[in-house]
Amino acid sequence: MIAKKGSDFLDTPIFHAGETGEEETVALFTNRERAQQYLDRAGWGAAEEVGVLRPGDQQEWFETAREDGVRWVVIDPDHDRHLAGDPQPVEAIEGDLTALAQSIAYK
């Protein structure tokens, strides 16, 4: 994941999504290299860093996002495709968060 530098909490950017841009999503990366590549391409290195979610943290992170009204998680987003408005793979943050965390971990 991408997190704010020096944050005590797993604070991550919220992305606008959907055809109208009114939906909100968070980004989750399946490995550190993909997260770092997105961070570098976005030019966010001064304020953001790659954060690591342990298995127990991932469920809490989803729960917090859902409580904040975020309905989607985008998996391994590509910055250039994001800017071009190309669709990217998402999963709904709903229902059984443990199952969601496990399904993403094994993709």
PDB file of N, CA and C in Angstrom:
ATOM      1  N   MET A   1       0.832  -1.176   0.000  1.00  0.00           N
ATOM      2  CA  MET A   1       0.000   0.000   0.000  1.00  0.00           C
ATOM      3  C   MET A   1       0.872   1.233   0.000  1.00  0.00           C
ATOM      4  N   ILE A   2       0.293   2.347  -0.290  1.00  0.00           N
ATOM      5  CA  ILE A   2       0.991   3.628  -0.207  1.00  0.00           C
ATOM      6  C   ILE A   2       0.445   4.353   1.010  1.00  0.00           C
ATOM      7  N   ALA A   3       1.336   4.878   1.825  1.00  0.00           N
ATOM      8  CA  ALA A   3       0.930   5.539   3.067  1.00  0.00           C
ATOM      9  C   ALA A   3       1.649   6.872   3.207  1.00  0.00           C
ATOM     10  N   LYS A   4       1.048   7.764   3.989  1.00  0.00           N
ATOM     11  CA  LYS A   4       1.692   9.043   4.286  1.00  0.00           C
ATOM     12  C   LYS A   4       2.930   8.793   5.136  1.00  0.00           C
ATOM     13  N   LYS A   5       4.020   9.490   4.838  1.00  0.00           N
ATOM     14  CA  LYS A   5       5.249   9.341   5.605  1.00  0.00           C
ATOM     15  C   LYS A   5       5.022   9.787   7.041  1.00  0.00           C
ATOM     16  N   GLY A   6       5.578   9.007   7.962  1.00  0.00           N
ATOM     17  CA  GLY A   6       5.522   9.349   9.371  1.00  0.00           C
ATOM     18  C   GLY A   6       4.162   9.164  10.020  1.00  0.00           C
ATOM     19  N   SER A   7       3.229   8.576   9.316  1.00  0.00           N
ATOM     20  CA  SER A   7       1.888   8.380   9.860  1.00  0.00           C
ATOM     21  C   SER A   7       1.878   7.213  10.832  1.00  0.00           C
ATOM     22  N   ASP A   8       1.267   7.427  12.002  1.00  0.00           N
ATOM     23  CA  ASP A   8       1.128   6.346  12.973  1.00  0.00           C
ATOM     24  C   ASP A   8       0.042   5.368  12.554  1.00  0.00           C
ATOM     25  N   PHE A   9      -0.886   5.833  11.748  1.00  0.00           N
ATOM     26  CA  PHE A   9      -1.992   5.004  11.299  1.00  0.00           C
ATOM     27  C   PHE A   9      -1.794   4.706   9.821  1.00  0.00           C
ATOM     28  N   LEU A  10      -2.422   3.671   9.354  1.00  0.00           N
ATOM     29  CA  LEU A  10      -2.298   3.289   7.952  1.00  0.00           C
ATOM     30  C   LEU A  10      -3.102   4.251   7.092  1.00  0.00           C
ATOM     31  N   ASP A  11      -2.571   5.430   6.909  1.00  0.00           N
ATOM     32  CA  ASP A  11      -3.232   6.506   6.167  1.00  0.00           C
ATOM     33  C   ASP A  11      -2.822   6.409   4.708  1.00  0.00           C
ATOM     34  N   THR A  12      -3.787   6.242   3.838  1.00  0.00           N
ATOM     35  CA  THR A  12      -3.513   5.994   2.426  1.00  0.00           C
ATOM     36  C   THR A  12      -4.320   6.943   1.552  1.00  0.00           C
ATOM     37  N   PRO A  13      -3.833   7.262   0.362  1.00  0.00           N
ATOM     38  CA  PRO A  13      -4.598   8.135  -0.535  1.00  0.00           C
ATOM     39  C   PRO A  13      -5.916   7.497  -0.971  1.00  0.00           C
ATOM     40  N   ILE A  14      -6.918   8.338  -1.158  1.00  0.00           N
ATOM     41  CA  ILE A  14      -8.206   7.919  -1.695  1.00  0.00           C
ATOM     42  C   ILE A  14      -8.240   8.372  -3.151  1.00  0.00           C
ATOM     43  N   PHE A  15      -8.586   7.460  -4.041  1.00  0.00           N
ATOM     44  CA  PHE A  15      -8.659   7.753  -5.465  1.00  0.00           C
ATOM     45  C   PHE A  15     -10.109   7.898  -5.886  1.00  0.00           C
ATOM     46  N   HIS A  16     -10.357   8.776  -6.833  1.00  0.00           N
ATOM     47  CA  HIS A  16     -11.687   8.894  -7.425  1.00  0.00           C
ATOM     48  C   HIS A  16     -11.794   7.870  -8.539  1.00  0.00           C
ATOM     49  N   ALA A  17     -12.959   7.228  -8.609  1.00  0.00           N
ATOM     50  CA  ALA A  17     -13.132   6.145  -9.575  1.00  0.00           C
ATOM     51  C   ALA A  17     -14.533   6.188 -10.167  1.00  0.00           C
ATOM     52  N   GLY A  18     -14.766   5.279 -11.078  1.00  0.00           N
ATOM     53  CA  GLY A  18     -16.064   5.183 -11.722  1.00  0.00           C
ATOM     54  C   GLY A  18     -16.175   6.140 -12.890  1.00  0.00           C
ATOM     55  N   GLU A  19     -17.219   5.979 -13.653  1.00  0.00           N
ATOM     56  CA  GLU A  19     -17.398   6.801 -14.851  1.00  0.00           C
ATOM     57  C   GLU A  19     -17.543   8.282 -14.525  1.00  0.00           C
ATOM     58  N   THR A  20     -18.172   8.609 -13.413  1.00  0.00           N
ATOM     59  CA  THR A  20     -18.371  10.012 -13.051  1.00  0.00           C
ATOM     60  C   THR A  20     -17.282  10.529 -12.131  1.00  0.00           C
ATOM     61  N   GLY A  21     -16.441   9.636 -11.603  1.00  0.00           N
ATOM     62  CA  GLY A  21     -15.390  10.042 -10.672  1.00  0.00           C
ATOM     63  C   GLY A  21     -15.901  10.258  -9.266  1.00  0.00           C
ATOM     64  N   GLU A  22     -17.154   9.865  -9.017  1.00  0.00           N
ATOM     65  CA  GLU A  22     -17.741  10.081  -7.698  1.00  0.00           C
ATOM     66  C   GLU A  22     -17.523   8.910  -6.745  1.00  0.00           C
ATOM     67  N   GLU A  23     -17.148   7.759  -7.263  1.00  0.00           N
ATOM     68  CA  GLU A  23     -16.838   6.619  -6.404  1.00  0.00           C
ATOM     69  C   GLU A  23     -15.447   6.835  -5.807  1.00  0.00           C
ATOM     70  N   GLU A  24     -15.195   6.190  -4.678  1.00  0.00           N
ATOM     71  CA  GLU A  24     -13.881   6.288  -4.059  1.00  0.00           C
ATOM     72  C   GLU A  24     -13.282   4.900  -3.924  1.00  0.00           C
ATOM     73  N   THR A  25     -11.969   4.831  -4.081  1.00  0.00           N
ATOM     74  CA  THR A  25     -11.260   3.563  -3.972  1.00  0.00           C
ATOM     75  C   THR A  25      -9.918   3.795  -3.285  1.00  0.00           C
ATOM     76  N   VAL A  26      -9.399   2.748  -2.703  1.00  0.00           N
ATOM     77  CA  VAL A  26      -8.038   2.745  -2.178  1.00  0.00           C
ATOM     78  C   VAL A  26      -7.239   1.772  -3.028  1.00  0.00           C
ATOM     79  N   ALA A  27      -5.937   1.913  -3.016  1.00  0.00           N
ATOM     80  CA  ALA A  27      -5.073   1.060  -3.840  1.00  0.00           C
ATOM     81  C   ALA A  27      -4.322   0.068  -2.962  1.00  0.00           C
ATOM     82  N   LEU A  28      -4.314  -1.170  -3.416  1.00  0.00           N
ATOM     83  CA  LEU A  28      -3.573  -2.214  -2.728  1.00  0.00           C
ATOM     84  C   LEU A  28      -2.669  -2.892  -3.751  1.00  0.00           C
ATOM     85  N   PHE A  29      -1.433  -3.085  -3.368  1.00  0.00           N
ATOM     86  CA  PHE A  29      -0.446  -3.686  -4.263  1.00  0.00           C
ATOM     87  C   PHE A  29      -0.056  -5.060  -3.753  1.00  0.00           C
ATOM     88  N   THR A  30       0.157  -5.984  -4.673  1.00  0.00           N
ATOM     89  CA  THR A  30       0.495  -7.349  -4.279  1.00  0.00           C
ATOM     90  C   THR A  30       1.977  -7.540  -4.003  1.00  0.00           C
ATOM     91  N   ASN A  31       2.791  -6.528  -4.328  1.00  0.00           N
ATOM     92  CA  ASN A  31       4.193  -6.577  -3.929  1.00  0.00           C
ATOM     93  C   ASN A  31       4.753  -5.165  -3.840  1.00  0.00           C
ATOM     94  N   ARG A  32       5.855  -5.055  -3.118  1.00  0.00           N
ATOM     95  CA  ARG A  32       6.484  -3.762  -2.840  1.00  0.00           C
ATOM     96  C   ARG A  32       6.928  -3.052  -4.120  1.00  0.00           C
ATOM     97  N   GLU A  33       7.428  -3.799  -5.099  1.00  0.00           N
ATOM     98  CA  GLU A  33       7.935  -3.196  -6.327  1.00  0.00           C
ATOM     99  C   GLU A  33       6.832  -2.462  -7.091  1.00  0.00           C
ATOM    100  N   ARG A  34       5.654  -3.055  -7.163  1.00  0.00           N
ATOM    101  CA  ARG A  34       4.547  -2.408  -7.870  1.00  0.00           C
ATOM    102  C   ARG A  34       4.111  -1.134  -7.155  1.00  0.00           C
ATOM    103  N   ALA A  35       4.096  -1.176  -5.834  1.00  0.00           N
ATOM    104  CA  ALA A  35       3.739   0.020  -5.060  1.00  0.00           C
ATOM    105  C   ALA A  35       4.781   1.114  -5.271  1.00  0.00           C
ATOM    106  N   GLN A  36       6.064   0.756  -5.243  1.00  0.00           N
ATOM    107  CA  GLN A  36       7.127   1.739  -5.431  1.00  0.00           C
ATOM    108  C   GLN A  36       7.075   2.331  -6.837  1.00  0.00           C
ATOM    109  N   GLN A  37       6.786   1.497  -7.826  1.00  0.00           N
ATOM    110  CA  GLN A  37       6.684   1.994  -9.197  1.00  0.00           C
ATOM    111  C   GLN A  37       5.560   3.024  -9.312  1.00  0.00           C
ATOM    112  N   TYR A  38       4.407   2.753  -8.702  1.00  0.00           N
ATOM    113  CA  TYR A  38       3.294   3.709  -8.746  1.00  0.00           C
ATOM    114  C   TYR A  38       3.707   5.010  -8.049  1.00  0.00           C
ATOM    115  N   LEU A  39       4.310   4.883  -6.889  1.00  0.00           N
ATOM    116  CA  LEU A  39       4.763   6.040  -6.114  1.00  0.00           C
ATOM    117  C   LEU A  39       5.736   6.892  -6.926  1.00  0.00           C
ATOM    118  N   ASP A  40       6.687   6.250  -7.574  1.00  0.00           N
ATOM    119  CA  ASP A  40       7.681   6.966  -8.388  1.00  0.00           C
ATOM    120  C   ASP A  40       7.023   7.658  -9.582  1.00  0.00           C
ATOM    121  N   ARG A  41       6.149   6.942 -10.298  1.00  0.00           N
ATOM    122  CA  ARG A  41       5.495   7.517 -11.486  1.00  0.00           C
ATOM    123  C   ARG A  41       4.586   8.683 -11.108  1.00  0.00           C
ATOM    124  N   ALA A  42       3.979   8.613  -9.922  1.00  0.00           N
ATOM    125  CA  ALA A  42       3.089   9.678  -9.476  1.00  0.00           C
ATOM    126  C   ALA A  42       3.859  10.868  -8.914  1.00  0.00           C
ATOM    127  N   GLY A  43       5.138  10.681  -8.604  1.00  0.00           N
ATOM    128  CA  GLY A  43       5.940  11.762  -8.036  1.00  0.00           C
ATOM    129  C   GLY A  43       5.564  12.097  -6.601  1.00  0.00           C
ATOM    130  N   TRP A  44       5.139  11.097  -5.854  1.00  0.00           N
ATOM    131  CA  TRP A  44       4.666  11.312  -4.484  1.00  0.00           C
ATOM    132  C   TRP A  44       5.716  11.021  -3.423  1.00  0.00           C
ATOM    133  N   GLY A  45       6.945  10.808  -3.795  1.00  0.00           N
ATOM    134  CA  GLY A  45       7.984  10.387  -2.860  1.00  0.00           C
ATOM    135  C   GLY A  45       8.248  11.320  -1.695  1.00  0.00           C
ATOM    136  N   ALA A  46       7.958  12.604  -1.841  1.00  0.00           N
ATOM    137  CA  ALA A  46       8.224  13.539  -0.748  1.00  0.00           C
ATOM    138  C   ALA A  46       7.252  13.365   0.417  1.00  0.00           C
ATOM    139  N   ALA A  47       6.019  12.979   0.133  1.00  0.00           N
ATOM    140  CA  ALA A  47       5.000  12.904   1.178  1.00  0.00           C
ATOM    141  C   ALA A  47       4.510  11.491   1.470  1.00  0.00           C
ATOM    142  N   GLU A  48       4.756  10.560   0.554  1.00  0.00           N
ATOM    143  CA  GLU A  48       4.226   9.201   0.685  1.00  0.00           C
ATOM    144  C   GLU A  48       5.360   8.187   0.632  1.00  0.00           C
ATOM    145  N   GLU A  49       5.073   6.993   1.149  1.00  0.00           N
ATOM    146  CA  GLU A  49       6.036   5.896   1.110  1.00  0.00           C
ATOM    147  C   GLU A  49       5.285   4.587   0.962  1.00  0.00           C
ATOM    148  N   VAL A  50       6.018   3.529   0.638  1.00  0.00           N
ATOM    149  CA  VAL A  50       5.409   2.209   0.553  1.00  0.00           C
ATOM    150  C   VAL A  50       5.241   1.684   1.968  1.00  0.00           C
ATOM    151  N   GLY A  51       4.017   1.319   2.301  1.00  0.00           N
ATOM    152  CA  GLY A  51       3.720   0.715   3.595  1.00  0.00           C
ATOM    153  C   GLY A  51       3.448  -0.760   3.407  1.00  0.00           C
ATOM    154  N   VAL A  52       3.648  -1.531   4.452  1.00  0.00           N
ATOM    155  CA  VAL A  52       3.425  -2.974   4.387  1.00  0.00           C
ATOM    156  C   VAL A  52       2.296  -3.328   5.342  1.00  0.00           C
ATOM    157  N   LEU A  53       1.326  -4.062   4.821  1.00  0.00           N
ATOM    158  CA  LEU A  53       0.220  -4.539   5.644  1.00  0.00           C
ATOM    159  C   LEU A  53       0.464  -5.990   6.024  1.00  0.00           C
ATOM    160  N   ARG A  54       0.540  -6.251   7.308  1.00  0.00           N
ATOM    161  CA  ARG A  54       0.587  -7.643   7.763  1.00  0.00           C
ATOM    162  C   ARG A  54      -0.812  -8.205   7.616  1.00  0.00           C
ATOM    163  N   PRO A  55      -0.971  -9.532   7.613  1.00  0.00           N
ATOM    164  CA  PRO A  55      -2.304 -10.109   7.423  1.00  0.00           C
ATOM    165  C   PRO A  55      -3.370  -9.530   8.350  1.00  0.00           C
ATOM    166  N   GLY A  56      -3.088  -9.337   9.613  1.00  0.00           N
ATOM    167  CA  GLY A  56      -4.061  -8.760  10.536  1.00  0.00           C
ATOM    168  C   GLY A  56      -4.358  -7.300  10.237  1.00  0.00           C
ATOM    169  N   ASP A  57      -3.362  -6.573   9.741  1.00  0.00           N
ATOM    170  CA  ASP A  57      -3.545  -5.156   9.408  1.00  0.00           C
ATOM    171  C   ASP A  57      -4.451  -4.974   8.203  1.00  0.00           C
ATOM    172  N   GLN A  58      -4.378  -5.901   7.265  1.00  0.00           N
ATOM    173  CA  GLN A  58      -5.128  -5.755   6.022  1.00  0.00           C
ATOM    174  C   GLN A  58      -6.628  -5.708   6.299  1.00  0.00           C
ATOM    175  N   GLN A  59      -7.114  -6.558   7.164  1.00  0.00           N
ATOM    176  CA  GLN A  59      -8.536  -6.555   7.475  1.00  0.00           C
ATOM    177  C   GLN A  59      -8.936  -5.255   8.165  1.00  0.00           C
ATOM    178  N   GLU A  60      -8.116  -4.775   9.085  1.00  0.00           N
ATOM    179  CA  GLU A  60      -8.403  -3.501   9.760  1.00  0.00           C
ATOM    180  C   GLU A  60      -8.396  -2.347   8.761  1.00  0.00           C
ATOM    181  N   TRP A  61      -7.477  -2.388   7.820  1.00  0.00           N
ATOM    182  CA  TRP A  61      -7.378  -1.347   6.797  1.00  0.00           C
ATOM    183  C   TRP A  61      -8.640  -1.316   5.945  1.00  0.00           C
ATOM    184  N   PHE A  62      -9.117  -2.498   5.531  1.00  0.00           N
ATOM    185  CA  PHE A  62     -10.367  -2.576   4.777  1.00  0.00           C
ATOM    186  C   PHE A  62     -11.538  -2.036   5.599  1.00  0.00           C
ATOM    187  N   GLU A  63     -11.596  -2.414   6.868  1.00  0.00           N
ATOM    188  CA  GLU A  63     -12.694  -1.982   7.739  1.00  0.00           C
ATOM    189  C   GLU A  63     -12.710  -0.457   7.870  1.00  0.00           C
ATOM    190  N   THR A  64     -11.545   0.129   8.066  1.00  0.00           N
ATOM    191  CA  THR A  64     -11.450   1.584   8.190  1.00  0.00           C
ATOM    192  C   THR A  64     -11.879   2.268   6.896  1.00  0.00           C
ATOM    193  N   ALA A  65     -11.418   1.733   5.773  1.00  0.00           N
ATOM    194  CA  ALA A  65     -11.812   2.305   4.477  1.00  0.00           C
ATOM    195  C   ALA A  65     -13.326   2.226   4.298  1.00  0.00           C
ATOM    196  N   ARG A  66     -13.893   1.092   4.627  1.00  0.00           N
ATOM    197  CA  ARG A  66     -15.337   0.913   4.475  1.00  0.00           C
ATOM    198  C   ARG A  66     -16.100   1.871   5.379  1.00  0.00           C
ATOM    199  N   GLU A  67     -15.626   2.052   6.607  1.00  0.00           N
ATOM    200  CA  GLU A  67     -16.264   2.989   7.533  1.00  0.00           C
ATOM    201  C   GLU A  67     -16.187   4.426   7.023  1.00  0.00           C
ATOM    202  N   ASP A  68     -15.153   4.726   6.253  1.00  0.00           N
ATOM    203  CA  ASP A  68     -14.991   6.071   5.677  1.00  0.00           C
ATOM    204  C   ASP A  68     -15.766   6.247   4.376  1.00  0.00           C
ATOM    205  N   GLY A  69     -16.533   5.228   3.989  1.00  0.00           N
ATOM    206  CA  GLY A  69     -17.368   5.326   2.802  1.00  0.00           C
ATOM    207  C   GLY A  69     -16.728   4.845   1.517  1.00  0.00           C
ATOM    208  N   VAL A  70     -15.520   4.283   1.600  1.00  0.00           N
ATOM    209  CA  VAL A  70     -14.849   3.759   0.417  1.00  0.00           C
ATOM    210  C   VAL A  70     -15.453   2.390   0.110  1.00  0.00           C
ATOM    211  N   ARG A  71     -15.877   2.193  -1.129  1.00  0.00           N
ATOM    212  CA  ARG A  71     -16.539   0.945  -1.499  1.00  0.00           C
ATOM    213  C   ARG A  71     -15.656   0.003  -2.303  1.00  0.00           C
ATOM    214  N   TRP A  72     -14.525   0.467  -2.800  1.00  0.00           N
ATOM    215  CA  TRP A  72     -13.721  -0.341  -3.730  1.00  0.00           C
ATOM    216  C   TRP A  72     -12.259  -0.324  -3.345  1.00  0.00           C
ATOM    217  N   VAL A  73     -11.564  -1.375  -3.720  1.00  0.00           N
ATOM    218  CA  VAL A  73     -10.104  -1.438  -3.639  1.00  0.00           C
ATOM    219  C   VAL A  73      -9.604  -1.799  -5.032  1.00  0.00           C
ATOM    220  N   VAL A  74      -8.680  -0.996  -5.557  1.00  0.00           N
ATOM    221  CA  VAL A  74      -8.089  -1.275  -6.861  1.00  0.00           C
ATOM    222  C   VAL A  74      -6.791  -2.045  -6.616  1.00  0.00           C
ATOM    223  N   ILE A  75      -6.630  -3.126  -7.354  1.00  0.00           N
ATOM    224  CA  ILE A  75      -5.503  -4.032  -7.148  1.00  0.00           C
ATOM    225  C   ILE A  75      -4.400  -3.718  -8.157  1.00  0.00           C
ATOM    226  N   ASP A  76      -3.194  -3.458  -7.644  1.00  0.00           N
ATOM    227  CA  ASP A  76      -2.026  -3.184  -8.486  1.00  0.00           C
ATOM    228  C   ASP A  76      -2.310  -2.130  -9.570  1.00  0.00           C
ATOM    229  N   PRO A  77      -2.777  -0.947  -9.180  1.00  0.00           N
ATOM    230  CA  PRO A  77      -3.049   0.057 -10.209  1.00  0.00           C
ATOM    231  C   PRO A  77      -1.782   0.490 -10.936  1.00  0.00           C
ATOM    232  N   ASP A  78      -1.963   0.897 -12.166  1.00  0.00           N
ATOM    233  CA  ASP A  78      -0.881   1.413 -12.998  1.00  0.00           C
ATOM    234  C   ASP A  78      -1.109   2.916 -13.145  1.00  0.00           C
ATOM    235  N   HIS A  79      -0.144   3.719 -12.755  1.00  0.00           N
ATOM    236  CA  HIS A  79      -0.307   5.173 -12.754  1.00  0.00           C
ATOM    237  C   HIS A  79      -0.627   5.732 -14.131  1.00  0.00           C
ATOM    238  N   ASP A  80       0.082   5.276 -15.154  1.00  0.00           N
ATOM    239  CA  ASP A  80      -0.148   5.793 -16.496  1.00  0.00           C
ATOM    240  C   ASP A  80      -1.549   5.435 -16.997  1.00  0.00           C
ATOM    241  N   ARG A  81      -1.976   4.214 -16.732  1.00  0.00           N
ATOM    242  CA  ARG A  81      -3.342   3.811 -17.114  1.00  0.00           C
ATOM    243  C   ARG A  81      -4.374   4.606 -16.330  1.00  0.00           C
ATOM    244  N   HIS A  82      -4.072   4.884 -15.053  1.00  0.00           N
ATOM    245  CA  HIS A  82      -4.979   5.688 -14.222  1.00  0.00           C
ATOM    246  C   HIS A  82      -5.175   7.071 -14.837  1.00  0.00           C
ATOM    247  N   LEU A  83      -4.083   7.718 -15.212  1.00  0.00           N
ATOM    248  CA  LEU A  83      -4.168   9.052 -15.812  1.00  0.00           C
ATOM    249  C   LEU A  83      -4.903   9.034 -17.148  1.00  0.00           C
ATOM    250  N   ALA A  84      -4.760   7.934 -17.876  1.00  0.00           N
ATOM    251  CA  ALA A  84      -5.435   7.816 -19.171  1.00  0.00           C
ATOM    252  C   ALA A  84      -6.918   7.484 -19.023  1.00  0.00           C
ATOM    253  N   GLY A  85      -7.342   7.177 -17.789  1.00  0.00           N
ATOM    254  CA  GLY A  85      -8.743   6.846 -17.558  1.00  0.00           C
ATOM    255  C   GLY A  85      -9.095   5.418 -17.918  1.00  0.00           C
ATOM    256  N   ASP A  86      -8.082   4.579 -18.106  1.00  0.00           N
ATOM    257  CA  ASP A  86      -8.339   3.175 -18.431  1.00  0.00           C
ATOM    258  C   ASP A  86      -8.871   2.424 -17.213  1.00  0.00           C
ATOM    259  N   PRO A  87      -9.806   1.500 -17.414  1.00  0.00           N
ATOM    260  CA  PRO A  87     -10.308   0.683 -16.298  1.00  0.00           C
ATOM    261  C   PRO A  87      -9.189  -0.162 -15.694  1.00  0.00           C
ATOM    262  N   GLN A  88      -9.269  -0.364 -14.380  1.00  0.00           N
ATOM    263  CA  GLN A  88      -8.298  -1.189 -13.684  1.00  0.00           C
ATOM    264  C   GLN A  88      -9.045  -2.157 -12.769  1.00  0.00           C
ATOM    265  N   PRO A  89      -8.423  -3.281 -12.402  1.00  0.00           N
ATOM    266  CA  PRO A  89      -9.134  -4.302 -11.624  1.00  0.00           C
ATOM    267  C   PRO A  89      -9.465  -3.826 -10.214  1.00  0.00           C
ATOM    268  N   VAL A  90     -10.719  -3.996  -9.829  1.00  0.00           N
ATOM    269  CA  VAL A  90     -11.169  -3.614  -8.489  1.00  0.00           C
ATOM    270  C   VAL A  90     -11.912  -4.762  -7.829  1.00  0.00           C
ATOM    271  N   GLU A  91     -11.979  -4.702  -6.519  1.00  0.00           N
ATOM    272  CA  GLU A  91     -12.776  -5.620  -5.711  1.00  0.00           C
ATOM    273  C   GLU A  91     -13.623  -4.754  -4.788  1.00  0.00           C
ATOM    274  N   ALA A  92     -14.824  -5.203  -4.505  1.00  0.00           N
ATOM    275  CA  ALA A  92     -15.707  -4.480  -3.595  1.00  0.00           C
ATOM    276  C   ALA A  92     -15.272  -4.704  -2.153  1.00  0.00           C
ATOM    277  N   ILE A  93     -15.298  -3.632  -1.365  1.00  0.00           N
ATOM    278  CA  ILE A  93     -15.038  -3.740   0.072  1.00  0.00           C
ATOM    279  C   ILE A  93     -16.398  -3.884   0.741  1.00  0.00           C
ATOM    280  N   GLU A  94     -16.810  -5.112   0.899  1.00  0.00           N
ATOM    281  CA  GLU A  94     -18.112  -5.376   1.510  1.00  0.00           C
ATOM    282  C   GLU A  94     -18.117  -6.796   2.039  1.00  0.00           C
ATOM    283  N   GLY A  95     -19.095  -7.116   2.827  1.00  0.00           N
ATOM    284  CA  GLY A  95     -19.248  -8.481   3.300  1.00  0.00           C
ATOM    285  C   GLY A  95     -18.101  -8.935   4.175  1.00  0.00           C
ATOM    286  N   ASP A  96     -17.616 -10.133   3.914  1.00  0.00           N
ATOM    287  CA  ASP A  96     -16.597 -10.783   4.726  1.00  0.00           C
ATOM    288  C   ASP A  96     -15.211 -10.241   4.364  1.00  0.00           C
ATOM    289  N   LEU A  97     -14.692  -9.377   5.219  1.00  0.00           N
ATOM    290  CA  LEU A  97     -13.399  -8.751   4.940  1.00  0.00           C
ATOM    291  C   LEU A  97     -12.248  -9.751   5.015  1.00  0.00           C
ATOM    292  N   THR A  98     -12.391 -10.787   5.835  1.00  0.00           N
ATOM    293  CA  THR A  98     -11.351 -11.815   5.902  1.00  0.00           C
ATOM    294  C   THR A  98     -11.245 -12.527   4.568  1.00  0.00           C
ATOM    295  N   ALA A  99     -12.385 -12.869   3.978  1.00  0.00           N
ATOM    296  CA  ALA A  99     -12.380 -13.534   2.670  1.00  0.00           C
ATOM    297  C   ALA A  99     -11.797 -12.626   1.599  1.00  0.00           C
ATOM    298  N   LEU A 100     -12.138 -11.340   1.645  1.00  0.00           N
ATOM    299  CA  LEU A 100     -11.583 -10.387   0.691  1.00  0.00           C
ATOM    300  C   LEU A 100     -10.071 -10.328   0.810  1.00  0.00           C
ATOM    301  N   ALA A 101      -9.570 -10.193   2.024  1.00  0.00           N
ATOM    302  CA  ALA A 101      -8.123 -10.123   2.253  1.00  0.00           C
ATOM    303  C   ALA A 101      -7.432 -11.382   1.737  1.00  0.00           C
ATOM    304  N   GLN A 102      -8.030 -12.551   1.986  1.00  0.00           N
ATOM    305  CA  GLN A 102      -7.431 -13.797   1.526  1.00  0.00           C
ATOM    306  C   GLN A 102      -7.477 -13.914   0.007  1.00  0.00           C
ATOM    307  N   SER A 103      -8.568 -13.477  -0.621  1.00  0.00           N
ATOM    308  CA  SER A 103      -8.683 -13.596  -2.078  1.00  0.00           C
ATOM    309  C   SER A 103      -7.663 -12.721  -2.775  1.00  0.00           C
ATOM    310  N   ILE A 104      -7.382 -11.551  -2.226  1.00  0.00           N
ATOM    311  CA  ILE A 104      -6.391 -10.653  -2.819  1.00  0.00           C
ATOM    312  C   ILE A 104      -4.982 -11.186  -2.601  1.00  0.00           C
ATOM    313  N   ALA A 105      -4.726 -11.745  -1.437  1.00  0.00           N
ATOM    314  CA  ALA A 105      -3.397 -12.253  -1.107  1.00  0.00           C
ATOM    315  C   ALA A 105      -2.969 -13.377  -2.038  1.00  0.00           C
ATOM    316  N   TYR A 106      -3.928 -14.110  -2.596  1.00  0.00           N
ATOM    317  CA  TYR A 106      -3.590 -15.258  -3.429  1.00  0.00           C
ATOM    318  C   TYR A 106      -3.754 -15.017  -4.908  1.00  0.00           C
ATOM    319  N   LYS A 107      -3.908 -13.769  -5.357  1.00  0.00           N
ATOM    320  CA  LYS A 107      -4.040 -13.477  -6.797  1.00  0.00           C
ATOM    321  C   LYS A 107      -2.687 -13.534  -7.457  1.00  0.00           C
TER     322      LYS A 107
END
